[in-house]
Structures are given as structure tokens and as C-alpha cells.
Amino acid sequence: MTEDKISEICKALGDPNRLRIIKLLTDGQACANDLLEKFQITQPTLSHHMKILSETGLVTSRKEGKCTYYSITCCMFKEFKSYFEAISCYKDRAKDSSGNEQSCCHCGGR
């Protein structure tokens, strides 16, 4: 996953409502009407959020009758998570000249 894609996903997840939508979808797919009941937003606002999540590839949708069902794109989240798991504090990989681990400058070596 490229840094541009990571940045795009971070921007999409930068809204508390979109984060909450993603969290709700981790329990499985949900109808737009069911999602709407859990928020104090209008249907057009929900559609806007879902469009952003869909355009980034975080969410997929399918129509069934009058309802649009949304679900998260697991492979996208796995790649996103993997990107951040590869980032570690230098204390996790650096040793001083005596072979001792260097402590992280801001977290007291935690």
C-alpha cells in the first residue's frame, strides 16, 4: 500500500462519524437505514460519509430492494494495519554501543 493511499485512508477516517461507521461495520454488514438510526445525522450526510468510505475502498456496498447494504473491505484494513505494524519506535530495533537497547525519547522506554 502506497503512502498516498495510506494518507487518503487516514483522511477518510479523520471524521468521528466515519470512524464510528467503520466500528459498527466490524460486526458485519448493515443496511443504510440501520446505520442512520444509530446517528443523529441526515440521510444525505450518511450518504456523503459512505461515498467517502467507498471511494477509498474501505467499504463496499450492494443494493437489495430499497436498502443499500454496506460492509468493510477486510483486505484493505489488513493492508492498512500492516503498514502501521511495520512502524516501530527506534528503541524496538536500536542498541547503543554497549549492546543495550536505547530508550525512546518521549515514552520512557515503554
PDB file of N, CA and C in Angstrom:
ATOM      1  N   MET A   1       0.855  -1.168   0.000  1.00  0.00           N
ATOM      2  CA  MET A   1       0.000   0.000   0.000  1.00  0.00           C
ATOM      3  C   MET A   1       0.905   1.236   0.000  1.00  0.00           C
ATOM      4  N   THR A   2       0.615   2.167  -0.878  1.00  0.00           N
ATOM      5  CA  THR A   2       1.447   3.359  -1.006  1.00  0.00           C
ATOM      6  C   THR A   2       1.149   4.369   0.102  1.00  0.00           C
ATOM      7  N   GLU A   3       2.095   5.281   0.303  1.00  0.00           N
ATOM      8  CA  GLU A   3       1.880   6.343   1.286  1.00  0.00           C
ATOM      9  C   GLU A   3       0.719   7.240   0.877  1.00  0.00           C
ATOM     10  N   ASP A   4       0.521   7.436  -0.422  1.00  0.00           N
ATOM     11  CA  ASP A   4      -0.620   8.240  -0.885  1.00  0.00           C
ATOM     12  C   ASP A   4      -1.944   7.589  -0.483  1.00  0.00           C
ATOM     13  N   LYS A   5      -2.017   6.258  -0.634  1.00  0.00           N
ATOM     14  CA  LYS A   5      -3.244   5.544  -0.255  1.00  0.00           C
ATOM     15  C   LYS A   5      -3.441   5.586   1.259  1.00  0.00           C
ATOM     16  N   ILE A   6      -2.362   5.408   2.022  1.00  0.00           N
ATOM     17  CA  ILE A   6      -2.449   5.486   3.477  1.00  0.00           C
ATOM     18  C   ILE A   6      -2.969   6.859   3.886  1.00  0.00           C
ATOM     19  N   SER A   7      -2.442   7.903   3.270  1.00  0.00           N
ATOM     20  CA  SER A   7      -2.873   9.269   3.575  1.00  0.00           C
ATOM     21  C   SER A   7      -4.355   9.463   3.251  1.00  0.00           C
ATOM     22  N   GLU A   8      -4.782   8.941   2.119  1.00  0.00           N
ATOM     23  CA  GLU A   8      -6.195   9.031   1.717  1.00  0.00           C
ATOM     24  C   GLU A   8      -7.100   8.335   2.740  1.00  0.00           C
ATOM     25  N   ILE A   9      -6.679   7.171   3.200  1.00  0.00           N
ATOM     26  CA  ILE A   9      -7.459   6.425   4.192  1.00  0.00           C
ATOM     27  C   ILE A   9      -7.493   7.185   5.513  1.00  0.00           C
ATOM     28  N   CYS A  10      -6.345   7.721   5.912  1.00  0.00           N
ATOM     29  CA  CYS A  10      -6.302   8.492   7.170  1.00  0.00           C
ATOM     30  C   CYS A  10      -7.239   9.686   7.111  1.00  0.00           C
ATOM     31  N   LYS A  11      -7.287  10.361   5.974  1.00  0.00           N
ATOM     32  CA  LYS A  11      -8.208  11.497   5.810  1.00  0.00           C
ATOM     33  C   LYS A  11      -9.651  11.023   5.917  1.00  0.00           C
ATOM     34  N   ALA A  12      -9.952   9.900   5.292  1.00  0.00           N
ATOM     35  CA  ALA A  12     -11.322   9.369   5.341  1.00  0.00           C
ATOM     36  C   ALA A  12     -11.705   8.991   6.764  1.00  0.00           C
ATOM     37  N   LEU A  13     -10.762   8.454   7.514  1.00  0.00           N
ATOM     38  CA  LEU A  13     -11.037   8.034   8.892  1.00  0.00           C
ATOM     39  C   LEU A  13     -10.900   9.187   9.887  1.00  0.00           C
ATOM     40  N   GLY A  14     -10.562  10.369   9.390  1.00  0.00           N
ATOM     41  CA  GLY A  14     -10.377  11.531  10.251  1.00  0.00           C
ATOM     42  C   GLY A  14     -11.666  12.147  10.761  1.00  0.00           C
ATOM     43  N   ASP A  15     -12.784  11.609  10.350  1.00  0.00           N
ATOM     44  CA  ASP A  15     -14.087  12.098  10.817  1.00  0.00           C
ATOM     45  C   ASP A  15     -14.648  11.124  11.843  1.00  0.00           C
ATOM     46  N   PRO A  16     -15.069  11.620  13.020  1.00  0.00           N
ATOM     47  CA  PRO A  16     -15.586  10.718  14.060  1.00  0.00           C
ATOM     48  C   PRO A  16     -16.773   9.867  13.617  1.00  0.00           C
ATOM     49  N   ASN A  17     -17.648  10.418  12.793  1.00  0.00           N
ATOM     50  CA  ASN A  17     -18.795   9.625  12.322  1.00  0.00           C
ATOM     51  C   ASN A  17     -18.345   8.483  11.430  1.00  0.00           C
ATOM     52  N   ARG A  18     -17.362   8.742  10.568  1.00  0.00           N
ATOM     53  CA  ARG A  18     -16.875   7.668   9.692  1.00  0.00           C
ATOM     54  C   ARG A  18     -16.147   6.598  10.497  1.00  0.00           C
ATOM     55  N   LEU A  19     -15.407   6.999  11.499  1.00  0.00           N
ATOM     56  CA  LEU A  19     -14.773   6.010  12.378  1.00  0.00           C
ATOM     57  C   LEU A  19     -15.823   5.147  13.057  1.00  0.00           C
ATOM     58  N   ARG A  20     -16.874   5.772  13.517  1.00  0.00           N
ATOM     59  CA  ARG A  20     -17.948   5.037  14.194  1.00  0.00           C
ATOM     60  C   ARG A  20     -18.663   4.095  13.221  1.00  0.00           C
ATOM     61  N   ILE A  21     -18.857   4.545  11.996  1.00  0.00           N
ATOM     62  CA  ILE A  21     -19.477   3.692  10.973  1.00  0.00           C
ATOM     63  C   ILE A  21     -18.619   2.451  10.761  1.00  0.00           C
ATOM     64  N   ILE A  22     -17.313   2.649  10.611  1.00  0.00           N
ATOM     65  CA  ILE A  22     -16.401   1.519  10.414  1.00  0.00           C
ATOM     66  C   ILE A  22     -16.483   0.572  11.601  1.00  0.00           C
ATOM     67  N   LYS A  23     -16.470   1.122  12.795  1.00  0.00           N
ATOM     68  CA  LYS A  23     -16.553   0.290  14.003  1.00  0.00           C
ATOM     69  C   LYS A  23     -17.840  -0.537  13.993  1.00  0.00           C
ATOM     70  N   LEU A  24     -18.959   0.073  13.635  1.00  0.00           N
ATOM     71  CA  LEU A  24     -20.229  -0.660  13.568  1.00  0.00           C
ATOM     72  C   LEU A  24     -20.184  -1.761  12.515  1.00  0.00           C
ATOM     73  N   LEU A  25     -19.521  -1.492  11.404  1.00  0.00           N
ATOM     74  CA  LEU A  25     -19.462  -2.482  10.324  1.00  0.00           C
ATOM     75  C   LEU A  25     -18.523  -3.640  10.630  1.00  0.00           C
ATOM     76  N   THR A  26     -17.702  -3.521  11.668  1.00  0.00           N
ATOM     77  CA  THR A  26     -16.847  -4.650  12.035  1.00  0.00           C
ATOM     78  C   THR A  26     -17.681  -5.810  12.573  1.00  0.00           C
ATOM     79  N   ASP A  27     -18.922  -5.536  12.955  1.00  0.00           N
ATOM     80  CA  ASP A  27     -19.826  -6.595  13.414  1.00  0.00           C
ATOM     81  C   ASP A  27     -20.542  -7.273  12.255  1.00  0.00           C
ATOM     82  N   GLY A  28     -20.325  -6.782  11.041  1.00  0.00           N
ATOM     83  CA  GLY A  28     -20.970  -7.356   9.866  1.00  0.00           C
ATOM     84  C   GLY A  28     -21.649  -6.282   9.042  1.00  0.00           C
ATOM     85  N   GLN A  29     -22.189  -6.679   7.915  1.00  0.00           N
ATOM     86  CA  GLN A  29     -22.827  -5.714   7.031  1.00  0.00           C
ATOM     87  C   GLN A  29     -24.037  -5.073   7.699  1.00  0.00           C
ATOM     88  N   ALA A  30     -24.376  -3.886   7.226  1.00  0.00           N
ATOM     89  CA  ALA A  30     -25.524  -3.180   7.780  1.00  0.00           C
ATOM     90  C   ALA A  30     -26.220  -2.389   6.681  1.00  0.00           C
ATOM     91  N   CYS A  31     -27.524  -2.330   6.799  1.00  0.00           N
ATOM     92  CA  CYS A  31     -28.353  -1.543   5.894  1.00  0.00           C
ATOM     93  C   CYS A  31     -28.169  -0.062   6.238  1.00  0.00           C
ATOM     94  N   ALA A  32     -28.187   0.775   5.227  1.00  0.00           N
ATOM     95  CA  ALA A  32     -28.030   2.216   5.447  1.00  0.00           C
ATOM     96  C   ALA A  32     -29.054   2.733   6.458  1.00  0.00           C
ATOM     97  N   ASN A  33     -30.283   2.225   6.404  1.00  0.00           N
ATOM     98  CA  ASN A  33     -31.325   2.669   7.341  1.00  0.00           C
ATOM     99  C   ASN A  33     -30.967   2.307   8.779  1.00  0.00           C
ATOM    100  N   ASP A  34     -30.362   1.138   8.972  1.00  0.00           N
ATOM    101  CA  ASP A  34     -29.939   0.727  10.315  1.00  0.00           C
ATOM    102  C   ASP A  34     -28.801   1.610  10.823  1.00  0.00           C
ATOM    103  N   LEU A  35     -27.879   1.955   9.931  1.00  0.00           N
ATOM    104  CA  LEU A  35     -26.788   2.853  10.313  1.00  0.00           C
ATOM    105  C   LEU A  35     -27.339   4.226  10.679  1.00  0.00           C
ATOM    106  N   LEU A  36     -28.280   4.694   9.888  1.00  0.00           N
ATOM    107  CA  LEU A  36     -28.857   6.018  10.106  1.00  0.00           C
ATOM    108  C   LEU A  36     -29.512   6.129  11.482  1.00  0.00           C
ATOM    109  N   GLU A  37     -30.113   5.046  11.946  1.00  0.00           N
ATOM    110  CA  GLU A  37     -30.766   5.052  13.262  1.00  0.00           C
ATOM    111  C   GLU A  37     -29.769   5.243  14.406  1.00  0.00           C
ATOM    112  N   LYS A  38     -28.516   4.912  14.167  1.00  0.00           N
ATOM    113  CA  LYS A  38     -27.506   4.985  15.227  1.00  0.00           C
ATOM    114  C   LYS A  38     -26.811   6.355  15.292  1.00  0.00           C
ATOM    115  N   PHE A  39     -27.136   7.236  14.363  1.00  0.00           N
ATOM    116  CA  PHE A  39     -26.508   8.550  14.292  1.00  0.00           C
ATOM    117  C   PHE A  39     -27.554   9.649  14.318  1.00  0.00           C
ATOM    118  N   GLN A  40     -27.130  10.810  14.701  1.00  0.00           N
ATOM    119  CA  GLN A  40     -28.013  11.971  14.650  1.00  0.00           C
ATOM    120  C   GLN A  40     -27.612  12.822  13.445  1.00  0.00           C
ATOM    121  N   ILE A  41     -27.705  12.199  12.273  1.00  0.00           N
ATOM    122  CA  ILE A  41     -27.366  12.866  11.022  1.00  0.00           C
ATOM    123  C   ILE A  41     -28.477  12.594  10.020  1.00  0.00           C
ATOM    124  N   THR A  42     -28.488  13.372   8.962  1.00  0.00           N
ATOM    125  CA  THR A  42     -29.498  13.193   7.921  1.00  0.00           C
ATOM    126  C   THR A  42     -29.061  12.105   6.944  1.00  0.00           C
ATOM    127  N   GLN A  43     -29.985  11.621   6.152  1.00  0.00           N
ATOM    128  CA  GLN A  43     -29.682  10.602   5.148  1.00  0.00           C
ATOM    129  C   GLN A  43     -28.650  11.118   4.138  1.00  0.00           C
ATOM    130  N   PRO A  44     -28.773  12.380   3.659  1.00  0.00           N
ATOM    131  CA  PRO A  44     -27.733  12.866   2.734  1.00  0.00           C
ATOM    132  C   PRO A  44     -26.332  12.917   3.367  1.00  0.00           C
ATOM    133  N   THR A  45     -26.272  13.226   4.658  1.00  0.00           N
ATOM    134  CA  THR A  45     -24.983  13.249   5.344  1.00  0.00           C
ATOM    135  C   THR A  45     -24.400  11.849   5.439  1.00  0.00           C
ATOM    136  N   LEU A  46     -25.247  10.862   5.758  1.00  0.00           N
ATOM    137  CA  LEU A  46     -24.780   9.475   5.793  1.00  0.00           C
ATOM    138  C   LEU A  46     -24.281   9.070   4.409  1.00  0.00           C
ATOM    139  N   SER A  47     -25.019   9.420   3.379  1.00  0.00           N
ATOM    140  CA  SER A  47     -24.610   9.091   2.008  1.00  0.00           C
ATOM    141  C   SER A  47     -23.247   9.698   1.681  1.00  0.00           C
ATOM    142  N   HIS A  48     -23.028  10.912   2.129  1.00  0.00           N
ATOM    143  CA  HIS A  48     -21.734  11.580   1.910  1.00  0.00           C
ATOM    144  C   HIS A  48     -20.611  10.790   2.586  1.00  0.00           C
ATOM    145  N   HIS A  49     -20.824  10.403   3.835  1.00  0.00           N
ATOM    146  CA  HIS A  49     -19.820   9.621   4.559  1.00  0.00           C
ATOM    147  C   HIS A  49     -19.566   8.284   3.862  1.00  0.00           C
ATOM    148  N   MET A  50     -20.620   7.624   3.440  1.00  0.00           N
ATOM    149  CA  MET A  50     -20.472   6.322   2.798  1.00  0.00           C
ATOM    150  C   MET A  50     -19.763   6.450   1.451  1.00  0.00           C
ATOM    151  N   LYS A  51     -20.002   7.547   0.749  1.00  0.00           N
ATOM    152  CA  LYS A  51     -19.330   7.783  -0.525  1.00  0.00           C
ATOM    153  C   LYS A  51     -17.822   7.897  -0.299  1.00  0.00           C
ATOM    154  N   ILE A  52     -17.428   8.646   0.713  1.00  0.00           N
ATOM    155  CA  ILE A  52     -16.002   8.808   1.018  1.00  0.00           C
ATOM    156  C   ILE A  52     -15.382   7.467   1.390  1.00  0.00           C
ATOM    157  N   LEU A  53     -16.053   6.710   2.249  1.00  0.00           N
ATOM    158  CA  LEU A  53     -15.535   5.403   2.665  1.00  0.00           C
ATOM    159  C   LEU A  53     -15.464   4.435   1.489  1.00  0.00           C
ATOM    160  N   SER A  54     -16.446   4.509   0.598  1.00  0.00           N
ATOM    161  CA  SER A  54     -16.457   3.633  -0.581  1.00  0.00           C
ATOM    162  C   SER A  54     -15.367   4.016  -1.570  1.00  0.00           C
ATOM    163  N   GLU A  55     -15.179   5.321  -1.785  1.00  0.00           N
ATOM    164  CA  GLU A  55     -14.170   5.783  -2.739  1.00  0.00           C
ATOM    165  C   GLU A  55     -12.758   5.413  -2.306  1.00  0.00           C
ATOM    166  N   THR A  56     -12.521   5.333  -1.012  1.00  0.00           N
ATOM    167  CA  THR A  56     -11.194   4.939  -0.530  1.00  0.00           C
ATOM    168  C   THR A  56     -11.017   3.428  -0.541  1.00  0.00           C
ATOM    169  N   GLY A  57     -12.093   2.697  -0.774  1.00  0.00           N
ATOM    170  CA  GLY A  57     -12.022   1.240  -0.810  1.00  0.00           C
ATOM    171  C   GLY A  57     -12.194   0.586   0.549  1.00  0.00           C
ATOM    172  N   LEU A  58     -12.530   1.387   1.568  1.00  0.00           N
ATOM    173  CA  LEU A  58     -12.701   0.842   2.915  1.00  0.00           C
ATOM    174  C   LEU A  58     -14.019   0.109   3.082  1.00  0.00           C
ATOM    175  N   VAL A  59     -15.008   0.475   2.265  1.00  0.00           N
ATOM    176  CA  VAL A  59     -16.358  -0.068   2.385  1.00  0.00           C
ATOM    177  C   VAL A  59     -16.872  -0.456   1.007  1.00  0.00           C
ATOM    178  N   THR A  60     -17.604  -1.549   0.954  1.00  0.00           N
ATOM    179  CA  THR A  60     -18.286  -1.933  -0.278  1.00  0.00           C
ATOM    180  C   THR A  60     -19.786  -1.864  -0.017  1.00  0.00           C
ATOM    181  N   SER A  61     -20.539  -1.761  -1.096  1.00  0.00           N
ATOM    182  CA  SER A  61     -21.997  -1.673  -0.956  1.00  0.00           C
ATOM    183  C   SER A  61     -22.673  -2.574  -1.971  1.00  0.00           C
ATOM    184  N   ARG A  62     -23.896  -2.961  -1.605  1.00  0.00           N
ATOM    185  CA  ARG A  62     -24.730  -3.711  -2.549  1.00  0.00           C
ATOM    186  C   ARG A  62     -26.181  -3.338  -2.292  1.00  0.00           C
ATOM    187  N   LYS A  63     -26.927  -3.224  -3.369  1.00  0.00           N
ATOM    188  CA  LYS A  63     -28.349  -2.888  -3.271  1.00  0.00           C
ATOM    189  C   LYS A  63     -29.159  -4.166  -3.190  1.00  0.00           C
ATOM    190  N   GLU A  64     -30.130  -4.149  -2.310  1.00  0.00           N
ATOM    191  CA  GLU A  64     -31.089  -5.243  -2.214  1.00  0.00           C
ATOM    192  C   GLU A  64     -32.443  -4.603  -1.934  1.00  0.00           C
ATOM    193  N   GLY A  65     -33.293  -4.610  -2.931  1.00  0.00           N
ATOM    194  CA  GLY A  65     -34.574  -3.926  -2.791  1.00  0.00           C
ATOM    195  C   GLY A  65     -34.336  -2.438  -2.598  1.00  0.00           C
ATOM    196  N   LYS A  66     -34.953  -1.880  -1.558  1.00  0.00           N
ATOM    197  CA  LYS A  66     -34.799  -0.449  -1.287  1.00  0.00           C
ATOM    198  C   LYS A  66     -33.606  -0.135  -0.393  1.00  0.00           C
ATOM    199  N   CYS A  67     -32.935  -1.170   0.088  1.00  0.00           N
ATOM    200  CA  CYS A  67     -31.850  -0.952   1.042  1.00  0.00           C
ATOM    201  C   CYS A  67     -30.481  -1.152   0.393  1.00  0.00           C
ATOM    202  N   THR A  68     -29.572  -0.300   0.784  1.00  0.00           N
ATOM    203  CA  THR A  68     -28.174  -0.472   0.408  1.00  0.00           C
ATOM    204  C   THR A  68     -27.449  -1.032   1.616  1.00  0.00           C
ATOM    205  N   TYR A  69     -26.791  -2.160   1.419  1.00  0.00           N
ATOM    206  CA  TYR A  69     -26.036  -2.797   2.492  1.00  0.00           C
ATOM    207  C   TYR A  69     -24.559  -2.459   2.339  1.00  0.00           C
ATOM    208  N   TYR A  70     -23.947  -2.115   3.451  1.00  0.00           N
ATOM    209  CA  TYR A  70     -22.531  -1.765   3.472  1.00  0.00           C
ATOM    210  C   TYR A  70     -21.760  -2.769   4.312  1.00  0.00           C
ATOM    211  N   SER A  71     -20.525  -3.019   3.908  1.00  0.00           N
ATOM    212  CA  SER A  71     -19.624  -3.861   4.698  1.00  0.00           C
ATOM    213  C   SER A  71     -18.206  -3.348   4.498  1.00  0.00           C
ATOM    214  N   ILE A  72     -17.351  -3.642   5.475  1.00  0.00           N
ATOM    215  CA  ILE A  72     -15.970  -3.197   5.344  1.00  0.00           C
ATOM    216  C   ILE A  72     -15.228  -4.119   4.385  1.00  0.00           C
ATOM    217  N   THR A  73     -14.187  -3.588   3.786  1.00  0.00           N
ATOM    218  CA  THR A  73     -13.332  -4.344   2.886  1.00  0.00           C
ATOM    219  C   THR A  73     -12.156  -4.853   3.717  1.00  0.00           C
ATOM    220  N   CYS A  74     -12.270  -6.087   4.153  1.00  0.00           N
ATOM    221  CA  CYS A  74     -11.281  -6.658   5.083  1.00  0.00           C
ATOM    222  C   CYS A  74      -9.855  -6.583   4.569  1.00  0.00           C
ATOM    223  N   CYS A  75      -9.629  -6.896   3.303  1.00  0.00           N
ATOM    224  CA  CYS A  75      -8.263  -6.898   2.776  1.00  0.00           C
ATOM    225  C   CYS A  75      -7.654  -5.500   2.834  1.00  0.00           C
ATOM    226  N   MET A  76      -8.462  -4.466   2.642  1.00  0.00           N
ATOM    227  CA  MET A  76      -7.966  -3.092   2.710  1.00  0.00           C
ATOM    228  C   MET A  76      -7.520  -2.765   4.140  1.00  0.00           C
ATOM    229  N   PHE A  77      -8.321  -3.172   5.125  1.00  0.00           N
ATOM    230  CA  PHE A  77      -7.968  -2.919   6.511  1.00  0.00           C
ATOM    231  C   PHE A  77      -6.740  -3.725   6.932  1.00  0.00           C
ATOM    232  N   LYS A  78      -6.599  -4.928   6.402  1.00  0.00           N
ATOM    233  CA  LYS A  78      -5.418  -5.728   6.722  1.00  0.00           C
ATOM    234  C   LYS A  78      -4.158  -5.056   6.187  1.00  0.00           C
ATOM    235  N   GLU A  79      -4.215  -4.537   4.972  1.00  0.00           N
ATOM    236  CA  GLU A  79      -3.066  -3.836   4.401  1.00  0.00           C
ATOM    237  C   GLU A  79      -2.764  -2.557   5.182  1.00  0.00           C
ATOM    238  N   PHE A  80      -3.811  -1.821   5.539  1.00  0.00           N
ATOM    239  CA  PHE A  80      -3.670  -0.579   6.303  1.00  0.00           C
ATOM    240  C   PHE A  80      -3.023  -0.870   7.655  1.00  0.00           C
ATOM    241  N   LYS A  81      -3.525  -1.880   8.330  1.00  0.00           N
ATOM    242  CA  LYS A  81      -2.979  -2.275   9.634  1.00  0.00           C
ATOM    243  C   LYS A  81      -1.528  -2.725   9.497  1.00  0.00           C
ATOM    244  N   SER A  82      -1.236  -3.478   8.482  1.00  0.00           N
ATOM    245  CA  SER A  82       0.107  -3.981   8.245  1.00  0.00           C
ATOM    246  C   SER A  82       1.106  -2.839   8.060  1.00  0.00           C
ATOM    247  N   TYR A  83       0.666  -1.788   7.390  1.00  0.00           N
ATOM    248  CA  TYR A  83       1.531  -0.625   7.189  1.00  0.00           C
ATOM    249  C   TYR A  83       1.970  -0.056   8.534  1.00  0.00           C
ATOM    250  N   PHE A  84       1.018   0.103   9.459  1.00  0.00           N
ATOM    251  CA  PHE A  84       1.340   0.689  10.754  1.00  0.00           C
ATOM    252  C   PHE A  84       2.073  -0.283  11.673  1.00  0.00           C
ATOM    253  N   GLU A  85       1.828  -1.555  11.511  1.00  0.00           N
ATOM    254  CA  GLU A  85       2.558  -2.536  12.310  1.00  0.00           C
ATOM    255  C   GLU A  85       4.032  -2.544  11.958  1.00  0.00           C
ATOM    256  N   ALA A  86       4.359  -2.123  10.737  1.00  0.00           N
ATOM    257  CA  ALA A  86       5.752  -2.074  10.302  1.00  0.00           C
ATOM    258  C   ALA A  86       6.493  -0.868  10.877  1.00  0.00           C
ATOM    259  N   ILE A  87       5.757   0.055  11.464  1.00  0.00           N
ATOM    260  CA  ILE A  87       6.371   1.231  12.081  1.00  0.00           C
ATOM    261  C   ILE A  87       6.596   0.919  13.549  1.00  0.00           C
ATOM    262  N   SER A  88       7.839   1.104  13.973  1.00  0.00           N
ATOM    263  CA  SER A  88       8.127   0.851  15.378  1.00  0.00           C
ATOM    264  C   SER A  88       9.060   1.927  15.905  1.00  0.00           C
ATOM    265  N   CYS A  89       9.006   2.121  17.171  1.00  0.00           N
ATOM    266  CA  CYS A  89       9.896   3.062  17.841  1.00  0.00           C
ATOM    267  C   CYS A  89      11.327   2.565  17.671  1.00  0.00           C
ATOM    268  N   TYR A  90      12.258   3.465  17.507  1.00  0.00           N
ATOM    269  CA  TYR A  90      13.637   3.024  17.299  1.00  0.00           C
ATOM    270  C   TYR A  90      14.163   2.202  18.463  1.00  0.00           C
ATOM    271  N   LYS A  91      13.596   2.352  19.652  1.00  0.00           N
ATOM    272  CA  LYS A  91      14.055   1.560  20.798  1.00  0.00           C
ATOM    273  C   LYS A  91      13.804   0.077  20.564  1.00  0.00           C
ATOM    274  N   ASP A  92      12.808  -0.222  19.735  1.00  0.00           N
ATOM    275  CA  ASP A  92      12.496  -1.616  19.458  1.00  0.00           C
ATOM    276  C   ASP A  92      13.532  -2.282  18.559  1.00  0.00           C
ATOM    277  N   ARG A  93      14.391  -1.469  17.927  1.00  0.00           N
ATOM    278  CA  ARG A  93      15.349  -2.063  16.999  1.00  0.00           C
ATOM    279  C   ARG A  93      16.772  -1.520  17.134  1.00  0.00           C
ATOM    280  N   ALA A  94      16.969  -0.511  18.014  1.00  0.00           N
ATOM    281  CA  ALA A  94      18.291   0.104  18.122  1.00  0.00           C
ATOM    282  C   ALA A  94      18.978  -0.257  19.436  1.00  0.00           C
ATOM    283  N   LYS A  95      20.274  -0.424  19.347  1.00  0.00           N
ATOM    284  CA  LYS A  95      21.081  -0.700  20.547  1.00  0.00           C
ATOM    285  C   LYS A  95      22.222   0.312  20.574  1.00  0.00           C
ATOM    286  N   ASP A  96      22.635   0.678  21.779  1.00  0.00           N
ATOM    287  CA  ASP A  96      23.768   1.590  21.896  1.00  0.00           C
ATOM    288  C   ASP A  96      25.076   0.819  21.688  1.00  0.00           C
ATOM    289  N   SER A  97      26.207   1.499  21.828  1.00  0.00           N
ATOM    290  CA  SER A  97      27.500   0.868  21.558  1.00  0.00           C
ATOM    291  C   SER A  97      27.814  -0.292  22.506  1.00  0.00           C
ATOM    292  N   SER A  98      27.138  -0.346  23.672  1.00  0.00           N
ATOM    293  CA  SER A  98      27.341  -1.447  24.625  1.00  0.00           C
ATOM    294  C   SER A  98      26.415  -2.620  24.346  1.00  0.00           C
ATOM    295  N   GLY A  99      25.580  -2.494  23.340  1.00  0.00           N
ATOM    296  CA  GLY A  99      24.646  -3.569  23.026  1.00  0.00           C
ATOM    297  C   GLY A  99      23.332  -3.474  23.785  1.00  0.00           C
ATOM    298  N   ASN A 100      23.157  -2.406  24.581  1.00  0.00           N
ATOM    299  CA  ASN A 100      21.906  -2.213  25.315  1.00  0.00           C
ATOM    300  C   ASN A 100      20.892  -1.476  24.440  1.00  0.00           C
ATOM    301  N   GLU A 101      19.614  -1.797  24.644  1.00  0.00           N
ATOM    302  CA  GLU A 101      18.574  -1.100  23.889  1.00  0.00           C
ATOM    303  C   GLU A 101      18.554   0.368  24.267  1.00  0.00           C
ATOM    304  N   GLN A 102      18.407   1.211  23.269  1.00  0.00           N
ATOM    305  CA  GLN A 102      18.248   2.641  23.515  1.00  0.00           C
ATOM    306  C   GLN A 102      16.815   2.885  23.959  1.00  0.00           C
ATOM    307  N   SER A 103      16.614   3.816  24.861  1.00  0.00           N
ATOM    308  CA  SER A 103      15.241   4.106  25.294  1.00  0.00           C
ATOM    309  C   SER A 103      14.630   5.158  24.378  1.00  0.00           C
ATOM    310  N   CYS A 104      13.354   5.068  24.246  1.00  0.00           N
ATOM    311  CA  CYS A 104      12.597   6.022  23.445  1.00  0.00           C
ATOM    312  C   CYS A 104      12.648   7.375  24.151  1.00  0.00           C
ATOM    313  N   CYS A 105      12.769   8.428  23.400  1.00  0.00           N
ATOM    314  CA  CYS A 105      12.973   9.752  23.992  1.00  0.00           C
ATOM    315  C   CYS A 105      11.741  10.310  24.702  1.00  0.00           C
ATOM    316  N   HIS A 106      10.537   9.924  24.340  1.00  0.00           N
ATOM    317  CA  HIS A 106       9.344  10.551  24.908  1.00  0.00           C
ATOM    318  C   HIS A 106       8.445   9.638  25.739  1.00  0.00           C
ATOM    319  N   CYS A 107       8.663   8.376  25.669  1.00  0.00           N
ATOM    320  CA  CYS A 107       7.744   7.499  26.401  1.00  0.00           C
ATOM    321  C   CYS A 107       8.442   6.711  27.501  1.00  0.00           C
ATOM    322  N   GLY A 108       9.642   7.126  27.849  1.00  0.00           N
ATOM    323  CA  GLY A 108      10.355   6.464  28.929  1.00  0.00           C
ATOM    324  C   GLY A 108      10.679   5.017  28.657  1.00  0.00           C
ATOM    325  N   GLY A 109      10.851   4.662  27.395  1.00  0.00           N
ATOM    326  CA  GLY A 109      11.208   3.284  27.064  1.00  0.00           C
ATOM    327  C   GLY A 109      10.048   2.322  27.035  1.00  0.00           C
ATOM    328  N   ARG A 110       8.822   2.833  27.081  1.00  0.00           N
ATOM    329  CA  ARG A 110       7.656   1.953  27.040  1.00  0.00           C
ATOM    330  C   ARG A 110       7.328   1.556  25.639  1.00  0.00           C
TER     331      ARG A 110
END
